[in-house]
Amino acid sequence: MVAAYRRRGYSREAVAFAEKKAREMGVNAIHLEVARGNDPAREL
């Protein structure tokens, strides 16, 4: 995420959208890999 757009909820919204689409497609698990120390991303 570009710094100017961080902390506005866009990533959380993108994850929610991906989860919704995955459910619609019958997917029952999603794996999100985050770099160690990236606490804001881990909170998603």
PDB file of N, CA and C in Angstrom:
ATOM      1  N   MET A   1       0.853  -1.172   0.000  1.00  0.00           N
ATOM      2  CA  MET A   1       0.000   0.000   0.000  1.00  0.00           C
ATOM      3  C   MET A   1       0.899   1.235   0.000  1.00  0.00           C
ATOM      4  N   VAL A   2       0.613   2.169  -0.873  1.00  0.00           N
ATOM      5  CA  VAL A   2       1.362   3.424  -0.945  1.00  0.00           C
ATOM      6  C   VAL A   2       1.146   4.194   0.358  1.00  0.00           C
ATOM      7  N   ALA A   3       2.213   4.754   0.892  1.00  0.00           N
ATOM      8  CA  ALA A   3       2.169   5.398   2.211  1.00  0.00           C
ATOM      9  C   ALA A   3       1.024   6.407   2.353  1.00  0.00           C
ATOM     10  N   ALA A   4       0.754   7.176   1.332  1.00  0.00           N
ATOM     11  CA  ALA A   4      -0.294   8.204   1.420  1.00  0.00           C
ATOM     12  C   ALA A   4      -1.681   7.618   1.644  1.00  0.00           C
ATOM     13  N   TYR A   5      -1.866   6.324   1.350  1.00  0.00           N
ATOM     14  CA  TYR A   5      -3.178   5.699   1.474  1.00  0.00           C
ATOM     15  C   TYR A   5      -3.264   4.705   2.621  1.00  0.00           C
ATOM     16  N   ARG A   6      -2.212   4.600   3.419  1.00  0.00           N
ATOM     17  CA  ARG A   6      -2.214   3.669   4.548  1.00  0.00           C
ATOM     18  C   ARG A   6      -3.101   4.182   5.668  1.00  0.00           C
ATOM     19  N   ARG A   7      -3.551   3.243   6.498  1.00  0.00           N
ATOM     20  CA  ARG A   7      -4.357   3.539   7.695  1.00  0.00           C
ATOM     21  C   ARG A   7      -5.719   4.149   7.354  1.00  0.00           C
ATOM     22  N   ARG A   8      -6.251   3.813   6.182  1.00  0.00           N
ATOM     23  CA  ARG A   8      -7.571   4.299   5.772  1.00  0.00           C
ATOM     24  C   ARG A   8      -8.574   3.168   5.597  1.00  0.00           C
ATOM     25  N   GLY A   9      -8.135   1.936   5.870  1.00  0.00           N
ATOM     26  CA  GLY A   9      -9.039   0.800   5.782  1.00  0.00           C
ATOM     27  C   GLY A   9      -9.118   0.133   4.420  1.00  0.00           C
ATOM     28  N   TYR A  10      -8.322   0.592   3.463  1.00  0.00           N
ATOM     29  CA  TYR A  10      -8.394   0.022   2.118  1.00  0.00           C
ATOM     30  C   TYR A  10      -7.951  -1.439   2.085  1.00  0.00           C
ATOM     31  N   SER A  11      -6.904  -1.764   2.808  1.00  0.00           N
ATOM     32  CA  SER A  11      -6.432  -3.156   2.821  1.00  0.00           C
ATOM     33  C   SER A  11      -7.453  -4.067   3.472  1.00  0.00           C
ATOM     34  N   ARG A  12      -8.037  -3.617   4.566  1.00  0.00           N
ATOM     35  CA  ARG A  12      -9.064  -4.412   5.237  1.00  0.00           C
ATOM     36  C   ARG A  12     -10.253  -4.632   4.303  1.00  0.00           C
ATOM     37  N   GLU A  13     -10.616  -3.591   3.557  1.00  0.00           N
ATOM     38  CA  GLU A  13     -11.711  -3.700   2.592  1.00  0.00           C
ATOM     39  C   GLU A  13     -11.356  -4.685   1.474  1.00  0.00           C
ATOM     40  N   ALA A  14     -10.114  -4.657   1.012  1.00  0.00           N
ATOM     41  CA  ALA A  14      -9.674  -5.577  -0.040  1.00  0.00           C
ATOM     42  C   ALA A  14      -9.705  -7.020   0.445  1.00  0.00           C
ATOM     43  N   VAL A  15      -9.283  -7.249   1.687  1.00  0.00           N
ATOM     44  CA  VAL A  15      -9.317  -8.602   2.251  1.00  0.00           C
ATOM     45  C   VAL A  15     -10.761  -9.071   2.384  1.00  0.00           C
ATOM     46  N   ALA A  16     -11.643  -8.205   2.851  1.00  0.00           N
ATOM     47  CA  ALA A  16     -13.057  -8.564   2.987  1.00  0.00           C
ATOM     48  C   ALA A  16     -13.653  -8.915   1.620  1.00  0.00           C
ATOM     49  N   PHE A  17     -13.297  -8.158   0.598  1.00  0.00           N
ATOM     50  CA  PHE A  17     -13.778  -8.429  -0.756  1.00  0.00           C
ATOM     51  C   PHE A  17     -13.281  -9.794  -1.232  1.00  0.00           C
ATOM     52  N   ALA A  18     -11.993 -10.067  -1.011  1.00  0.00           N
ATOM     53  CA  ALA A  18     -11.417 -11.356  -1.418  1.00  0.00           C
ATOM     54  C   ALA A  18     -12.094 -12.507  -0.687  1.00  0.00           C
ATOM     55  N   GLU A  19     -12.368 -12.330   0.608  1.00  0.00           N
ATOM     56  CA  GLU A  19     -13.055 -13.374   1.378  1.00  0.00           C
ATOM     57  C   GLU A  19     -14.450 -13.632   0.820  1.00  0.00           C
ATOM     58  N   LYS A  20     -15.162 -12.568   0.502  1.00  0.00           N
ATOM     59  CA  LYS A  20     -16.522 -12.705  -0.037  1.00  0.00           C
ATOM     60  C   LYS A  20     -16.501 -13.449  -1.367  1.00  0.00           C
ATOM     61  N   LYS A  21     -15.604 -13.056  -2.254  1.00  0.00           N
ATOM     62  CA  LYS A  21     -15.514 -13.715  -3.558  1.00  0.00           C
ATOM     63  C   LYS A  21     -15.107 -15.174  -3.403  1.00  0.00           C
ATOM     64  N   ALA A  22     -14.188 -15.440  -2.495  1.00  0.00           N
ATOM     65  CA  ALA A  22     -13.750 -16.821  -2.260  1.00  0.00           C
ATOM     66  C   ALA A  22     -14.918 -17.677  -1.787  1.00  0.00           C
ATOM     67  N   ARG A  23     -15.719 -17.151  -0.858  1.00  0.00           N
ATOM     68  CA  ARG A  23     -16.902 -17.893  -0.384  1.00  0.00           C
ATOM     69  C   ARG A  23     -17.854 -18.176  -1.536  1.00  0.00           C
ATOM     70  N   GLU A  24     -18.074 -17.174  -2.389  1.00  0.00           N
ATOM     71  CA  GLU A  24     -18.962 -17.349  -3.540  1.00  0.00           C
ATOM     72  C   GLU A  24     -18.452 -18.443  -4.478  1.00  0.00           C
ATOM     73  N   MET A  25     -17.138 -18.629  -4.518  1.00  0.00           N
ATOM     74  CA  MET A  25     -16.524 -19.636  -5.388  1.00  0.00           C
ATOM     75  C   MET A  25     -16.376 -20.986  -4.695  1.00  0.00           C
ATOM     76  N   GLY A  26     -16.815 -21.075  -3.450  1.00  0.00           N
ATOM     77  CA  GLY A  26     -16.737 -22.331  -2.723  1.00  0.00           C
ATOM     78  C   GLY A  26     -15.405 -22.591  -2.035  1.00  0.00           C
ATOM     79  N   VAL A  27     -14.570 -21.583  -1.964  1.00  0.00           N
ATOM     80  CA  VAL A  27     -13.279 -21.719  -1.283  1.00  0.00           C
ATOM     81  C   VAL A  27     -13.529 -21.668   0.220  1.00  0.00           C
ATOM     82  N   ASN A  28     -12.898 -22.576   0.960  1.00  0.00           N
ATOM     83  CA  ASN A  28     -13.144 -22.590   2.404  1.00  0.00           C
ATOM     84  C   ASN A  28     -11.925 -22.204   3.229  1.00  0.00           C
ATOM     85  N   ALA A  29     -10.826 -21.806   2.581  1.00  0.00           N
ATOM     86  CA  ALA A  29      -9.647 -21.352   3.321  1.00  0.00           C
ATOM     87  C   ALA A  29      -8.838 -20.380   2.468  1.00  0.00           C
ATOM     88  N   ILE A  30      -8.296 -19.379   3.122  1.00  0.00           N
ATOM     89  CA  ILE A  30      -7.428 -18.396   2.468  1.00  0.00           C
ATOM     90  C   ILE A  30      -6.188 -18.259   3.342  1.00  0.00           C
ATOM     91  N   HIS A  31      -5.044 -18.157   2.713  1.00  0.00           N
ATOM     92  CA  HIS A  31      -3.784 -17.998   3.444  1.00  0.00           C
ATOM     93  C   HIS A  31      -3.182 -16.652   3.073  1.00  0.00           C
ATOM     94  N   LEU A  32      -2.948 -15.814   4.067  1.00  0.00           N
ATOM     95  CA  LEU A  32      -2.312 -14.511   3.848  1.00  0.00           C
ATOM     96  C   LEU A  32      -0.952 -14.543   4.524  1.00  0.00           C
ATOM     97  N   GLU A  33       0.096 -14.371   3.747  1.00  0.00           N
ATOM     98  CA  GLU A  33       1.453 -14.398   4.288  1.00  0.00           C
ATOM     99  C   GLU A  33       1.942 -12.972   4.477  1.00  0.00           C
ATOM    100  N   VAL A  34       2.474 -12.699   5.660  1.00  0.00           N
ATOM    101  CA  VAL A  34       2.904 -11.347   6.025  1.00  0.00           C
ATOM    102  C   VAL A  34       4.329 -11.409   6.568  1.00  0.00           C
ATOM    103  N   ALA A  35       5.127 -10.419   6.228  1.00  0.00           N
ATOM    104  CA  ALA A  35       6.504 -10.373   6.711  1.00  0.00           C
ATOM    105  C   ALA A  35       6.544 -10.212   8.228  1.00  0.00           C
ATOM    106  N   ARG A  36       7.477 -10.900   8.838  1.00  0.00           N
ATOM    107  CA  ARG A  36       7.675 -10.788  10.285  1.00  0.00           C
ATOM    108  C   ARG A  36       7.956  -9.325  10.631  1.00  0.00           C
ATOM    109  N   GLY A  37       7.319  -8.835  11.665  1.00  0.00           N
ATOM    110  CA  GLY A  37       7.521  -7.457  12.090  1.00  0.00           C
ATOM    111  C   GLY A  37       6.554  -6.476  11.451  1.00  0.00           C
ATOM    112  N   ASN A  38       5.753  -6.928  10.492  1.00  0.00           N
ATOM    113  CA  ASN A  38       4.765  -6.055   9.853  1.00  0.00           C
ATOM    114  C   ASN A  38       3.463  -6.161  10.643  1.00  0.00           C
ATOM    115  N   ASP A  39       3.466  -5.574  11.830  1.00  0.00           N
ATOM    116  CA  ASP A  39       2.327  -5.700  12.734  1.00  0.00           C
ATOM    117  C   ASP A  39       1.016  -5.160  12.168  1.00  0.00           C
ATOM    118  N   PRO A  40       1.003  -4.015  11.465  1.00  0.00           N
ATOM    119  CA  PRO A  40      -0.271  -3.558  10.895  1.00  0.00           C
ATOM    120  C   PRO A  40      -0.891  -4.581   9.942  1.00  0.00           C
ATOM    121  N   ALA A  41      -0.067  -5.222   9.127  1.00  0.00           N
ATOM    122  CA  ALA A  41      -0.587  -6.242   8.208  1.00  0.00           C
ATOM    123  C   ALA A  41      -1.061  -7.467   8.973  1.00  0.00           C
ATOM    124  N   ARG A  42      -0.364  -7.824  10.030  1.00  0.00           N
ATOM    125  CA  ARG A  42      -0.749  -8.989  10.828  1.00  0.00           C
ATOM    126  C   ARG A  42      -2.100  -8.775  11.504  1.00  0.00           C
ATOM    127  N   GLU A  43      -2.454  -7.527  11.773  1.00  0.00           N
ATOM    128  CA  GLU A  43      -3.737  -7.226  12.407  1.00  0.00           C
ATOM    129  C   GLU A  43      -4.915  -7.387  11.457  1.00  0.00           C
ATOM    130  N   LEU A  44      -4.649  -7.486  10.166  1.00  0.00           N
ATOM    131  CA  LEU A  44      -5.733  -7.701   9.210  1.00  0.00           C
ATOM    132  C   LEU A  44      -6.437  -8.999   9.531  1.00  0.00           C
TER     133      LEU A  44
END
